Amino acid sequence: MALTGKAGSITVHHVRAIHGSAPNTSNKERRLLLFQFRAADAWPLLGFPGTLEAYDALMVAGTPGIEPRLAPVPVRLPLPPADAQGSIYENQKGLKNKFFQAAAE
């Protein structure tokens, strides 16, 4: 489903939603503001860099703890890592298709 909006519009979606955008054809940079939120008991599968104190300092609300929530949900490890591991844009450099094309109606 193609979502369109006038200049300055935003989208808000779940991280697991497949999403993309067409190339920027304007002469202005496209900006990105990325917020990441997670439950206090939702731990990263591959660990996290730094100390437990640094991890806990990222918490917006909730109570820090060391007991992750486990539930029977589909999980896919982010492996193997991308050739150009880094930002979203670095990870996409090796892709053949760099944007989604709207389906014919």
N, C-alpha and C. Protein backbone atom coordinates (compact mmCIF):
# COMPACT_ATOMS: atom_id res chain seq x y z
N MET A 1 0.86 -1.17 0.00
CA MET A 1 0.00 0.00 0.00
C MET A 1 0.90 1.23 0.00
N ALA A 2 0.70 2.08 -0.97
CA ALA A 2 1.48 3.31 -1.03
C ALA A 2 0.86 4.36 -0.12
N LEU A 3 1.69 4.98 0.70
CA LEU A 3 1.26 6.08 1.55
C LEU A 3 1.88 7.35 0.99
N THR A 4 1.06 8.33 0.73
CA THR A 4 1.59 9.59 0.22
C THR A 4 1.15 10.72 1.13
N GLY A 5 1.93 11.75 1.16
CA GLY A 5 1.61 12.91 1.97
C GLY A 5 2.32 14.12 1.40
N LYS A 6 1.87 15.26 1.80
CA LYS A 6 2.52 16.48 1.31
C LYS A 6 3.87 16.64 2.00
N ALA A 7 4.67 17.54 1.49
CA ALA A 7 6.00 17.79 2.05
C ALA A 7 5.92 18.03 3.55
N GLY A 8 6.81 17.39 4.29
CA GLY A 8 6.82 17.53 5.74
C GLY A 8 6.04 16.45 6.46
N SER A 9 5.34 15.60 5.73
CA SER A 9 4.58 14.51 6.35
C SER A 9 5.54 13.48 6.94
N ILE A 10 5.04 12.71 7.90
CA ILE A 10 5.84 11.65 8.51
C ILE A 10 5.05 10.35 8.51
N THR A 11 5.75 9.25 8.72
CA THR A 11 5.10 7.98 8.97
C THR A 11 5.61 7.46 10.31
N VAL A 12 4.76 6.75 11.01
CA VAL A 12 5.13 6.11 12.26
C VAL A 12 4.70 4.66 12.13
N HIS A 13 5.62 3.75 12.31
CA HIS A 13 5.29 2.35 12.12
C HIS A 13 6.15 1.46 13.02
N HIS A 14 5.70 0.23 13.15
CA HIS A 14 6.43 -0.77 13.92
C HIS A 14 7.71 -1.13 13.18
N VAL A 15 8.77 -1.40 13.92
CA VAL A 15 10.06 -1.71 13.33
C VAL A 15 10.01 -2.93 12.41
N ARG A 16 9.09 -3.86 12.66
CA ARG A 16 9.01 -5.07 11.85
C ARG A 16 8.13 -4.90 10.60
N ALA A 17 7.51 -3.75 10.45
CA ALA A 17 6.71 -3.51 9.25
C ALA A 17 7.64 -3.28 8.06
N ILE A 18 7.39 -3.99 6.98
CA ILE A 18 8.19 -3.78 5.77
C ILE A 18 7.83 -2.41 5.23
N HIS A 19 8.84 -1.60 4.99
CA HIS A 19 8.58 -0.24 4.55
C HIS A 19 9.75 0.26 3.71
N GLY A 20 9.51 1.28 2.97
CA GLY A 20 10.55 1.85 2.13
C GLY A 20 10.02 3.13 1.52
N SER A 21 10.88 3.79 0.75
CA SER A 21 10.47 5.02 0.10
C SER A 21 11.15 5.12 -1.26
N ALA A 22 10.53 5.89 -2.12
CA ALA A 22 11.10 6.13 -3.44
C ALA A 22 12.30 7.06 -3.29
N PRO A 23 13.15 7.11 -4.31
CA PRO A 23 14.30 8.00 -4.24
C PRO A 23 13.87 9.46 -4.08
N ASN A 24 14.70 10.21 -3.42
CA ASN A 24 14.46 11.64 -3.24
C ASN A 24 14.79 12.34 -4.56
N THR A 25 13.79 12.94 -5.19
CA THR A 25 14.02 13.62 -6.47
C THR A 25 14.08 15.13 -6.32
N SER A 26 13.98 15.61 -5.08
CA SER A 26 14.06 17.06 -4.87
C SER A 26 15.53 17.48 -4.74
N ASN A 27 15.76 18.77 -4.67
CA ASN A 27 17.12 19.25 -4.48
C ASN A 27 17.44 19.49 -3.01
N LYS A 28 16.55 19.03 -2.12
CA LYS A 28 16.75 19.17 -0.68
C LYS A 28 17.02 17.81 -0.06
N GLU A 29 17.80 17.79 1.01
CA GLU A 29 18.08 16.54 1.70
C GLU A 29 16.82 16.01 2.38
N ARG A 30 16.69 14.71 2.41
CA ARG A 30 15.60 14.08 3.15
C ARG A 30 16.13 13.80 4.54
N ARG A 31 15.41 14.25 5.54
CA ARG A 31 15.86 14.08 6.93
C ARG A 31 15.23 12.85 7.54
N LEU A 32 15.91 12.33 8.55
CA LEU A 32 15.44 11.16 9.26
C LEU A 32 15.56 11.41 10.75
N LEU A 33 14.50 11.17 11.45
CA LEU A 33 14.51 11.21 12.91
C LEU A 33 14.05 9.84 13.37
N LEU A 34 14.92 9.14 14.05
CA LEU A 34 14.65 7.76 14.42
C LEU A 34 14.62 7.64 15.94
N PHE A 35 13.48 7.23 16.47
CA PHE A 35 13.34 6.95 17.89
C PHE A 35 13.25 5.44 18.06
N GLN A 36 13.92 4.92 19.06
CA GLN A 36 13.85 3.51 19.35
C GLN A 36 13.35 3.33 20.77
N PHE A 37 12.25 2.62 20.92
CA PHE A 37 11.70 2.33 22.23
C PHE A 37 11.57 0.82 22.37
N ARG A 38 11.74 0.34 23.57
CA ARG A 38 11.58 -1.09 23.83
C ARG A 38 11.10 -1.26 25.27
N ALA A 39 10.51 -2.39 25.55
CA ALA A 39 10.08 -2.69 26.91
C ALA A 39 11.32 -2.92 27.77
N ALA A 40 11.20 -2.63 29.06
CA ALA A 40 12.34 -2.77 29.97
C ALA A 40 12.85 -4.20 30.01
N ASP A 41 11.98 -5.17 29.74
CA ASP A 41 12.39 -6.57 29.80
C ASP A 41 12.60 -7.19 28.41
N ALA A 42 12.73 -6.37 27.38
CA ALA A 42 12.99 -6.85 26.03
C ALA A 42 14.46 -6.63 25.71
N TRP A 43 15.25 -7.65 25.89
CA TRP A 43 16.70 -7.55 25.74
C TRP A 43 17.12 -7.83 24.31
N PRO A 44 18.18 -7.16 23.83
CA PRO A 44 18.71 -7.44 22.50
C PRO A 44 19.23 -8.87 22.42
N LEU A 45 18.93 -9.57 21.34
CA LEU A 45 19.32 -10.98 21.20
C LEU A 45 20.83 -11.17 21.15
N LEU A 46 21.54 -10.21 20.59
CA LEU A 46 22.98 -10.37 20.44
C LEU A 46 23.76 -9.54 21.44
N GLY A 47 23.12 -9.16 22.54
CA GLY A 47 23.81 -8.37 23.54
C GLY A 47 23.80 -6.90 23.17
N PHE A 48 24.56 -6.13 23.91
CA PHE A 48 24.62 -4.69 23.68
C PHE A 48 26.02 -4.22 24.01
N PRO A 49 26.47 -3.17 23.32
CA PRO A 49 27.81 -2.66 23.62
C PRO A 49 27.80 -1.88 24.93
N GLY A 50 28.88 -1.90 25.62
CA GLY A 50 28.98 -1.10 26.84
C GLY A 50 28.58 -1.88 28.08
N THR A 51 28.27 -1.13 29.11
CA THR A 51 27.97 -1.73 30.41
C THR A 51 26.46 -1.80 30.65
N LEU A 52 26.08 -2.56 31.65
CA LEU A 52 24.68 -2.64 32.05
C LEU A 52 24.17 -1.27 32.48
N GLU A 53 25.02 -0.50 33.13
CA GLU A 53 24.63 0.84 33.57
C GLU A 53 24.33 1.73 32.35
N ALA A 54 25.14 1.62 31.30
CA ALA A 54 24.92 2.42 30.09
C ALA A 54 23.62 1.99 29.41
N TYR A 55 23.35 0.69 29.40
CA TYR A 55 22.10 0.17 28.83
C TYR A 55 20.90 0.69 29.61
N ASP A 56 20.97 0.62 30.93
CA ASP A 56 19.88 1.08 31.78
C ASP A 56 19.66 2.59 31.65
N ALA A 57 20.71 3.34 31.38
CA ALA A 57 20.60 4.80 31.25
C ALA A 57 19.75 5.20 30.05
N LEU A 58 19.55 4.30 29.10
CA LEU A 58 18.72 4.58 27.92
C LEU A 58 17.23 4.46 28.21
N MET A 59 16.87 3.92 29.37
CA MET A 59 15.48 3.65 29.69
C MET A 59 14.70 4.94 29.91
N VAL A 60 13.55 5.05 29.25
CA VAL A 60 12.68 6.21 29.37
C VAL A 60 11.73 6.03 30.54
N ALA A 61 11.17 4.82 30.68
CA ALA A 61 10.23 4.51 31.76
C ALA A 61 10.35 3.03 32.09
N GLY A 62 9.94 2.66 33.28
CA GLY A 62 10.01 1.27 33.68
C GLY A 62 11.10 1.05 34.70
N THR A 63 11.26 -0.19 35.08
CA THR A 63 12.23 -0.56 36.10
C THR A 63 13.31 -1.43 35.48
N PRO A 64 14.57 -1.02 35.57
CA PRO A 64 15.65 -1.85 35.03
C PRO A 64 15.67 -3.21 35.73
N GLY A 65 16.12 -4.22 35.02
CA GLY A 65 16.23 -5.55 35.59
C GLY A 65 17.13 -6.40 34.72
N ILE A 66 17.40 -7.59 35.18
CA ILE A 66 18.26 -8.50 34.42
C ILE A 66 17.53 -9.79 34.06
N GLU A 67 16.21 -9.76 34.07
CA GLU A 67 15.42 -10.94 33.71
C GLU A 67 14.63 -10.64 32.45
N PRO A 68 15.06 -11.16 31.28
CA PRO A 68 14.34 -10.87 30.05
C PRO A 68 13.00 -11.60 29.98
N ARG A 69 12.07 -10.98 29.29
CA ARG A 69 10.77 -11.61 29.02
C ARG A 69 10.96 -12.62 27.90
N LEU A 70 10.47 -13.81 28.09
CA LEU A 70 10.55 -14.85 27.07
C LEU A 70 9.14 -15.26 26.69
N ALA A 71 8.86 -15.26 25.42
CA ALA A 71 7.54 -15.63 24.93
C ALA A 71 7.70 -16.39 23.62
N PRO A 72 6.78 -17.29 23.31
CA PRO A 72 6.86 -18.04 22.06
C PRO A 72 6.47 -17.17 20.86
N VAL A 73 7.44 -16.46 20.33
CA VAL A 73 7.20 -15.58 19.18
C VAL A 73 8.25 -15.90 18.10
N PRO A 74 7.94 -15.60 16.85
CA PRO A 74 8.95 -15.84 15.81
C PRO A 74 10.14 -14.90 15.98
N VAL A 75 11.33 -15.47 15.92
CA VAL A 75 12.54 -14.68 16.10
C VAL A 75 13.52 -15.02 14.98
N ARG A 76 14.11 -13.99 14.39
CA ARG A 76 15.16 -14.20 13.39
C ARG A 76 16.36 -13.38 13.83
N LEU A 77 17.47 -14.06 14.03
CA LEU A 77 18.69 -13.35 14.42
C LEU A 77 19.17 -12.49 13.25
N PRO A 78 19.71 -11.32 13.53
CA PRO A 78 20.19 -10.44 12.47
C PRO A 78 21.57 -10.88 11.95
N LEU A 79 21.61 -12.11 11.44
CA LEU A 79 22.86 -12.69 10.96
C LEU A 79 22.63 -13.30 9.58
N PRO A 80 23.61 -13.35 8.72
CA PRO A 80 24.92 -12.75 8.89
C PRO A 80 24.81 -11.23 8.82
N PRO A 81 25.78 -10.52 9.38
CA PRO A 81 25.73 -9.05 9.32
C PRO A 81 25.87 -8.56 7.88
N ALA A 82 25.36 -7.36 7.62
CA ALA A 82 25.48 -6.76 6.30
C ALA A 82 26.95 -6.52 5.97
N ASP A 83 27.28 -6.54 4.68
CA ASP A 83 28.67 -6.30 4.26
C ASP A 83 29.16 -4.95 4.74
N ALA A 84 28.29 -3.94 4.69
CA ALA A 84 28.65 -2.58 5.12
C ALA A 84 27.88 -2.27 6.39
N GLN A 85 28.08 -3.08 7.43
CA GLN A 85 27.32 -2.94 8.67
C GLN A 85 27.47 -1.54 9.25
N GLY A 86 26.38 -0.96 9.66
CA GLY A 86 26.42 0.38 10.25
C GLY A 86 25.03 0.96 10.27
N SER A 87 24.88 2.14 9.71
CA SER A 87 23.59 2.81 9.70
C SER A 87 22.63 2.10 8.75
N ILE A 88 21.39 2.47 8.80
CA ILE A 88 20.39 1.92 7.89
C ILE A 88 20.86 2.09 6.45
N TYR A 89 21.39 3.25 6.13
CA TYR A 89 21.83 3.53 4.76
C TYR A 89 23.03 2.67 4.37
N GLU A 90 23.95 2.47 5.28
CA GLU A 90 25.10 1.61 5.00
C GLU A 90 24.64 0.18 4.73
N ASN A 91 23.69 -0.30 5.53
CA ASN A 91 23.20 -1.66 5.36
C ASN A 91 22.50 -1.86 4.02
N GLN A 92 21.92 -0.80 3.47
CA GLN A 92 21.17 -0.90 2.22
C GLN A 92 22.05 -0.78 0.99
N LYS A 93 23.30 -0.42 1.14
CA LYS A 93 24.17 -0.19 -0.02
C LYS A 93 24.28 -1.41 -0.93
N GLY A 94 24.27 -2.60 -0.38
CA GLY A 94 24.43 -3.80 -1.19
C GLY A 94 23.15 -4.34 -1.80
N LEU A 95 22.03 -3.71 -1.56
CA LEU A 95 20.77 -4.20 -2.09
C LEU A 95 20.62 -3.92 -3.57
N LYS A 96 19.98 -4.84 -4.29
CA LYS A 96 19.71 -4.62 -5.71
C LYS A 96 18.61 -3.57 -5.87
N ASN A 97 17.52 -3.71 -5.11
CA ASN A 97 16.41 -2.77 -5.17
C ASN A 97 16.51 -1.84 -3.97
N LYS A 98 16.65 -0.57 -4.21
CA LYS A 98 16.86 0.38 -3.12
C LYS A 98 15.57 1.06 -2.69
N PHE A 99 14.45 0.74 -3.33
CA PHE A 99 13.18 1.33 -2.92
C PHE A 99 12.05 0.41 -3.37
N PHE A 100 10.90 0.62 -2.79
CA PHE A 100 9.72 -0.13 -3.15
C PHE A 100 8.97 0.61 -4.24
N GLN A 101 8.47 -0.11 -5.18
CA GLN A 101 7.70 0.51 -6.25
C GLN A 101 6.22 0.25 -5.99
N ALA A 102 5.39 1.26 -6.17
CA ALA A 102 3.96 1.09 -5.94
C ALA A 102 3.40 0.05 -6.88
N ALA A 103 2.52 -0.78 -6.36
CA ALA A 103 1.88 -1.80 -7.18
C ALA A 103 0.91 -1.18 -8.16
N ALA A 104 0.80 -1.79 -9.33
CA ALA A 104 -0.13 -1.29 -10.34
C ALA A 104 -1.56 -1.49 -9.83
N GLU A 105 -2.37 -0.49 -10.04
CA GLU A 105 -3.76 -0.58 -9.55
C GLU A 105 -4.69 -0.99 -10.66
